[in-house]
């Protein structure tokens, strides 16, 4: 009876509260690596700046040019700006300067992004196809990969702004590899 109860509990938990997702590609290096398994949950979740989210990008059968993965697979990125916020992305001295304001264009904050990685050659237009400053519409978030030069994210028309209805949840913890089990920053 205990085994059957335990199995039912696991099924309920993984059906309604959490799911497993695999990191596909190198857009989140060095925070997350290709092939790592994540525990993701959307229970009582509202996207916040800095969260690592998993979302399902549908309607585009193209390949992500950086990871080679189909964009019908779950995509892992970091939330940079949320609905109502204003965003500016500038290319300065080989890095991106990301500035966010609240909906009234007050409380300007240049993001401190110690997780951002800049290796290899910069993209042809590292700020992307948007015109800045950009206000994030209601129901959307702006996301970027931590490996800035090797990420298809909201800067590209391939992904663009992410509809919050497509978010599967935020990454709670890493399950594999076993020597890295723990919370995701």
C-alpha atoms as a PDB file:
ATOM      1  CA  UNK A   1       0.000   0.000   0.000  1.00  0.00           C
ATOM      2  CA  UNK A   2       2.843   2.358   0.816  1.00  0.00           C
ATOM      3  CA  UNK A   3       4.419   1.814  -2.628  1.00  0.00           C
ATOM      4  CA  UNK A   4       1.117   2.493  -4.406  1.00  0.00           C
ATOM      5  CA  UNK A   5       0.496   5.615  -2.302  1.00  0.00           C
ATOM      6  CA  UNK A   6       4.046   6.853  -2.991  1.00  0.00           C
ATOM      7  CA  UNK A   7       3.686   6.252  -6.718  1.00  0.00           C
ATOM      8  CA  UNK A   8       0.354   8.111  -6.779  1.00  0.00           C
ATOM      9  CA  UNK A   9       1.891  11.018  -4.837  1.00  0.00           C
ATOM     10  CA  UNK A  10       4.792  11.263  -7.298  1.00  0.00           C
ATOM     11  CA  UNK A  11       2.385  11.207 -10.258  1.00  0.00           C
ATOM     12  CA  UNK A  12       0.240  13.963  -8.728  1.00  0.00           C
ATOM     13  CA  UNK A  13       3.271  16.127  -7.891  1.00  0.00           C
ATOM     14  CA  UNK A  14       4.770  15.814 -11.383  1.00  0.00           C
ATOM     15  CA  UNK A  15       1.375  16.316 -13.044  1.00  0.00           C
ATOM     16  CA  UNK A  16       0.261  19.432 -11.203  1.00  0.00           C
ATOM     17  CA  UNK A  17       3.130  21.057  -9.312  1.00  0.00           C
ATOM     18  CA  UNK A  18       6.508  20.502 -10.984  1.00  0.00           C
ATOM     19  CA  UNK A  19       7.969  19.220 -14.219  1.00  0.00           C
ATOM     20  CA  UNK A  20      11.385  18.238 -15.465  1.00  0.00           C
ATOM     21  CA  UNK A  21      13.056  20.126 -18.318  1.00  0.00           C
ATOM     22  CA  UNK A  22      16.414  19.615 -19.980  1.00  0.00           C
ATOM     23  CA  UNK A  23      18.712  22.513 -20.908  1.00  0.00           C
ATOM     24  CA  UNK A  24      19.301  22.331 -24.643  1.00  0.00           C
ATOM     25  CA  UNK A  25      22.190  24.344 -26.057  1.00  0.00           C
ATOM     26  CA  UNK A  26      24.757  26.746 -24.672  1.00  0.00           C
ATOM     27  CA  UNK A  27      22.792  29.995 -24.375  1.00  0.00           C
ATOM     28  CA  UNK A  28      22.803  29.834 -20.556  1.00  0.00           C
ATOM     29  CA  UNK A  29      26.518  28.967 -20.115  1.00  0.00           C
ATOM     30  CA  UNK A  30      28.051  29.263 -17.437  1.00  0.00           C
ATOM     31  CA  UNK A  31      24.936  29.369 -15.236  1.00  0.00           C
ATOM     32  CA  UNK A  32      23.435  26.230 -16.781  1.00  0.00           C
ATOM     33  CA  UNK A  33      25.072  23.752 -19.142  1.00  0.00           C
ATOM     34  CA  UNK A  34      23.773  21.747 -22.068  1.00  0.00           C
ATOM     35  CA  UNK A  35      22.052  18.547 -20.925  1.00  0.00           C
ATOM     36  CA  UNK A  36      21.379  19.549 -17.319  1.00  0.00           C
ATOM     37  CA  UNK A  37      17.975  18.582 -15.914  1.00  0.00           C
ATOM     38  CA  UNK A  38      15.922  21.224 -14.100  1.00  0.00           C
ATOM     39  CA  UNK A  39      12.928  21.042 -11.790  1.00  0.00           C
ATOM     40  CA  UNK A  40      10.471  23.724 -12.924  1.00  0.00           C
ATOM     41  CA  UNK A  41       7.271  24.957 -11.292  1.00  0.00           C
ATOM     42  CA  UNK A  42       4.587  27.484 -12.174  1.00  0.00           C
ATOM     43  CA  UNK A  43       2.547  27.116  -8.978  1.00  0.00           C
ATOM     44  CA  UNK A  44       1.698  30.659  -7.769  1.00  0.00           C
ATOM     45  CA  UNK A  45       4.395  32.021 -10.090  1.00  0.00           C
ATOM     46  CA  UNK A  46       4.633  35.558 -11.446  1.00  0.00           C
ATOM     47  CA  UNK A  47       7.724  36.384 -13.545  1.00  0.00           C
ATOM     48  CA  UNK A  48      10.293  38.667 -11.910  1.00  0.00           C
ATOM     49  CA  UNK A  49      13.476  40.218 -13.233  1.00  0.00           C
ATOM     50  CA  UNK A  50      16.404  37.828 -12.812  1.00  0.00           C
ATOM     51  CA  UNK A  51      14.324  34.639 -12.752  1.00  0.00           C
ATOM     52  CA  UNK A  52      15.420  31.753 -14.934  1.00  0.00           C
ATOM     53  CA  UNK A  53      12.315  30.581 -16.748  1.00  0.00           C
ATOM     54  CA  UNK A  54      11.372  27.774 -19.079  1.00  0.00           C
ATOM     55  CA  UNK A  55       8.868  28.582 -21.795  1.00  0.00           C
ATOM     56  CA  UNK A  56       7.404  26.948 -24.834  1.00  0.00           C
ATOM     57  CA  UNK A  57       7.852  28.951 -28.011  1.00  0.00           C
ATOM     58  CA  UNK A  58       5.255  27.809 -30.544  1.00  0.00           C
ATOM     59  CA  UNK A  59       4.333  28.867 -34.025  1.00  0.00           C
ATOM     60  CA  UNK A  60       7.935  28.925 -35.266  1.00  0.00           C
ATOM     61  CA  UNK A  61       9.385  25.783 -36.802  1.00  0.00           C
ATOM     62  CA  UNK A  62      12.821  27.358 -37.312  1.00  0.00           C
ATOM     63  CA  UNK A  63      15.988  26.107 -35.715  1.00  0.00           C
ATOM     64  CA  UNK A  64      17.834  28.090 -33.064  1.00  0.00           C
ATOM     65  CA  UNK A  65      21.020  28.976 -34.930  1.00  0.00           C
ATOM     66  CA  UNK A  66      23.098  28.819 -31.737  1.00  0.00           C
ATOM     67  CA  UNK A  67      21.987  25.531 -30.242  1.00  0.00           C
ATOM     68  CA  UNK A  68      20.587  23.748 -33.291  1.00  0.00           C
ATOM     69  CA  UNK A  69      17.474  22.875 -31.283  1.00  0.00           C
ATOM     70  CA  UNK A  70      13.929  23.228 -32.496  1.00  0.00           C
ATOM     71  CA  UNK A  71      12.080  26.109 -30.931  1.00  0.00           C
ATOM     72  CA  UNK A  72       9.130  23.807 -30.300  1.00  0.00           C
ATOM     73  CA  UNK A  73      11.180  22.412 -27.425  1.00  0.00           C
ATOM     74  CA  UNK A  74      11.138  24.149 -24.030  1.00  0.00           C
ATOM     75  CA  UNK A  75      13.506  27.137 -23.995  1.00  0.00           C
ATOM     76  CA  UNK A  76      15.488  28.271 -20.929  1.00  0.00           C
ATOM     77  CA  UNK A  77      16.332  31.992 -20.518  1.00  0.00           C
ATOM     78  CA  UNK A  78      16.621  34.713 -17.854  1.00  0.00           C
ATOM     79  CA  UNK A  79      13.916  37.385 -17.376  1.00  0.00           C
ATOM     80  CA  UNK A  80      15.408  40.849 -17.952  1.00  0.00           C
ATOM     81  CA  UNK A  81      12.273  43.032 -17.928  1.00  0.00           C
ATOM     82  CA  UNK A  82       8.607  42.418 -17.129  1.00  0.00           C
ATOM     83  CA  UNK A  83       5.302  43.899 -18.298  1.00  0.00           C
ATOM     84  CA  UNK A  84       5.091  47.683 -18.079  1.00  0.00           C
ATOM     85  CA  UNK A  85       8.827  48.220 -17.601  1.00  0.00           C
ATOM     86  CA  UNK A  86      10.975  50.199 -20.029  1.00  0.00           C
ATOM     87  CA  UNK A  87      14.191  48.645 -21.310  1.00  0.00           C
ATOM     88  CA  UNK A  88      17.285  49.982 -23.019  1.00  0.00           C
ATOM     89  CA  UNK A  89      20.085  47.770 -24.372  1.00  0.00           C
ATOM     90  CA  UNK A  90      23.327  49.390 -25.541  1.00  0.00           C
ATOM     91  CA  UNK A  91      26.512  47.851 -26.908  1.00  0.00           C
ATOM     92  CA  UNK A  92      29.428  49.496 -25.069  1.00  0.00           C
ATOM     93  CA  UNK A  93      33.055  48.298 -24.955  1.00  0.00           C
ATOM     94  CA  UNK A  94      32.306  44.723 -25.982  1.00  0.00           C
ATOM     95  CA  UNK A  95      29.463  44.235 -23.498  1.00  0.00           C
ATOM     96  CA  UNK A  96      25.780  45.049 -23.221  1.00  0.00           C
ATOM     97  CA  UNK A  97      24.623  47.764 -20.854  1.00  0.00           C
ATOM     98  CA  UNK A  98      21.057  46.886 -19.855  1.00  0.00           C
ATOM     99  CA  UNK A  99      18.958  49.606 -18.230  1.00  0.00           C
ATOM    100  CA  UNK A 100      15.438  49.142 -16.861  1.00  0.00           C
ATOM    101  CA  UNK A 101      12.912  51.759 -15.702  1.00  0.00           C
ATOM    102  CA  UNK A 102       9.502  51.309 -14.128  1.00  0.00           C
ATOM    103  CA  UNK A 103       6.334  52.054 -16.120  1.00  0.00           C
ATOM    104  CA  UNK A 104       6.571  55.813 -15.387  1.00  0.00           C
ATOM    105  CA  UNK A 105      10.157  56.004 -16.753  1.00  0.00           C
ATOM    106  CA  UNK A 106      11.375  56.600 -13.194  1.00  0.00           C
ATOM    107  CA  UNK A 107      13.646  54.572 -10.934  1.00  0.00           C
ATOM    108  CA  UNK A 108      16.251  53.859 -13.600  1.00  0.00           C
ATOM    109  CA  UNK A 109      18.456  50.858 -12.825  1.00  0.00           C
ATOM    110  CA  UNK A 110      21.480  49.669 -14.786  1.00  0.00           C
ATOM    111  CA  UNK A 111      21.414  45.925 -14.256  1.00  0.00           C
ATOM    112  CA  UNK A 112      24.379  44.355 -12.511  1.00  0.00           C
ATOM    113  CA  UNK A 113      24.721  41.073 -14.368  1.00  0.00           C
ATOM    114  CA  UNK A 114      27.591  39.023 -12.936  1.00  0.00           C
ATOM    115  CA  UNK A 115      26.107  35.937 -14.625  1.00  0.00           C
ATOM    116  CA  UNK A 116      26.439  37.412 -18.155  1.00  0.00           C
ATOM    117  CA  UNK A 117      29.119  35.781 -20.290  1.00  0.00           C
ATOM    118  CA  UNK A 118      30.738  37.467 -23.293  1.00  0.00           C
ATOM    119  CA  UNK A 119      33.022  35.077 -25.152  1.00  0.00           C
ATOM    120  CA  UNK A 120      33.796  34.800 -28.816  1.00  0.00           C
ATOM    121  CA  UNK A 121      32.703  37.296 -31.430  1.00  0.00           C
ATOM    122  CA  UNK A 122      29.771  39.620 -30.795  1.00  0.00           C
ATOM    123  CA  UNK A 123      26.626  39.182 -32.836  1.00  0.00           C
ATOM    124  CA  UNK A 124      26.269  41.403 -35.909  1.00  0.00           C
ATOM    125  CA  UNK A 125      23.777  43.550 -33.977  1.00  0.00           C
ATOM    126  CA  UNK A 126      24.090  42.576 -30.317  1.00  0.00           C
ATOM    127  CA  UNK A 127      21.242  44.836 -29.204  1.00  0.00           C
ATOM    128  CA  UNK A 128      18.800  43.072 -31.523  1.00  0.00           C
ATOM    129  CA  UNK A 129      16.030  44.174 -33.810  1.00  0.00           C
ATOM    130  CA  UNK A 130      14.070  46.320 -31.319  1.00  0.00           C
ATOM    131  CA  UNK A 131      14.019  50.105 -31.154  1.00  0.00           C
ATOM    132  CA  UNK A 132      15.026  51.237 -27.676  1.00  0.00           C
ATOM    133  CA  UNK A 133      13.858  52.323 -25.197  1.00  0.00           C
ATOM    134  CA  UNK A 134      11.270  49.586 -25.420  1.00  0.00           C
ATOM    135  CA  UNK A 135       8.240  49.278 -23.147  1.00  0.00           C
ATOM    136  CA  UNK A 136       7.327  45.673 -22.427  1.00  0.00           C
ATOM    137  CA  UNK A 137       3.592  45.182 -23.141  1.00  0.00           C
ATOM    138  CA  UNK A 138       1.204  43.624 -20.637  1.00  0.00           C
ATOM    139  CA  UNK A 139       1.360  39.839 -20.688  1.00  0.00           C
ATOM    140  CA  UNK A 140       4.961  39.680 -21.946  1.00  0.00           C
ATOM    141  CA  UNK A 141       8.519  39.508 -20.638  1.00  0.00           C
ATOM    142  CA  UNK A 142      11.890  40.272 -22.236  1.00  0.00           C
ATOM    143  CA  UNK A 143      14.389  37.422 -21.823  1.00  0.00           C
ATOM    144  CA  UNK A 144      18.071  36.927 -22.590  1.00  0.00           C
ATOM    145  CA  UNK A 145      20.477  34.030 -22.368  1.00  0.00           C
ATOM    146  CA  UNK A 146      23.395  34.439 -19.960  1.00  0.00           C
ATOM    147  CA  UNK A 147      25.849  33.573 -22.765  1.00  0.00           C
ATOM    148  CA  UNK A 148      25.051  36.824 -24.566  1.00  0.00           C
ATOM    149  CA  UNK A 149      26.845  36.251 -27.876  1.00  0.00           C
ATOM    150  CA  UNK A 150      25.479  32.721 -28.280  1.00  0.00           C
ATOM    151  CA  UNK A 151      21.796  33.091 -27.460  1.00  0.00           C
ATOM    152  CA  UNK A 152      18.664  33.496 -29.516  1.00  0.00           C
ATOM    153  CA  UNK A 153      16.444  35.430 -27.147  1.00  0.00           C
ATOM    154  CA  UNK A 154      14.117  38.446 -27.040  1.00  0.00           C
ATOM    155  CA  UNK A 155      16.688  40.466 -28.973  1.00  0.00           C
ATOM    156  CA  UNK A 156      16.035  38.306 -32.051  1.00  0.00           C
ATOM    157  CA  UNK A 157      12.912  38.073 -34.143  1.00  0.00           C
ATOM    158  CA  UNK A 158      13.263  34.288 -33.832  1.00  0.00           C
ATOM    159  CA  UNK A 159      12.021  34.429 -30.222  1.00  0.00           C
ATOM    160  CA  UNK A 160      11.017  38.037 -29.539  1.00  0.00           C
ATOM    161  CA  UNK A 161       9.046  39.006 -26.459  1.00  0.00           C
ATOM    162  CA  UNK A 162       7.758  35.999 -24.520  1.00  0.00           C
ATOM    163  CA  UNK A 163       4.028  35.703 -23.885  1.00  0.00           C
ATOM    164  CA  UNK A 164       3.624  34.900 -20.164  1.00  0.00           C
ATOM    165  CA  UNK A 165       0.976  32.312 -21.066  1.00  0.00           C
ATOM    166  CA  UNK A 166       3.794  30.292 -22.680  1.00  0.00           C
ATOM    167  CA  UNK A 167       5.870  30.151 -19.483  1.00  0.00           C
ATOM    168  CA  UNK A 168       6.052  26.624 -18.107  1.00  0.00           C
ATOM    169  CA  UNK A 169       7.560  27.904 -14.861  1.00  0.00           C
ATOM    170  CA  UNK A 170      10.736  29.069 -13.232  1.00  0.00           C
ATOM    171  CA  UNK A 171      13.720  26.865 -12.534  1.00  0.00           C
ATOM    172  CA  UNK A 172      13.737  25.758  -8.914  1.00  0.00           C
ATOM    173  CA  UNK A 173      16.699  23.421  -8.869  1.00  0.00           C
ATOM    174  CA  UNK A 174      19.199  21.494 -10.955  1.00  0.00           C
ATOM    175  CA  UNK A 175      18.984  17.688 -10.730  1.00  0.00           C
ATOM    176  CA  UNK A 176      21.853  16.677 -12.972  1.00  0.00           C
ATOM    177  CA  UNK A 177      24.775  16.416 -13.021  1.00  0.00           C
ATOM    178  CA  UNK A 178      24.694  15.023  -9.520  1.00  0.00           C
ATOM    179  CA  UNK A 179      27.721  17.016  -8.365  1.00  0.00           C
ATOM    180  CA  UNK A 180      25.756  20.234  -9.099  1.00  0.00           C
ATOM    181  CA  UNK A 181      22.404  19.316  -7.525  1.00  0.00           C
ATOM    182  CA  UNK A 182      20.863  22.347  -5.871  1.00  0.00           C
ATOM    183  CA  UNK A 183      19.085  25.657  -6.333  1.00  0.00           C
ATOM    184  CA  UNK A 184      19.466  27.580  -9.591  1.00  0.00           C
ATOM    185  CA  UNK A 185      20.600  31.223  -9.347  1.00  0.00           C
END
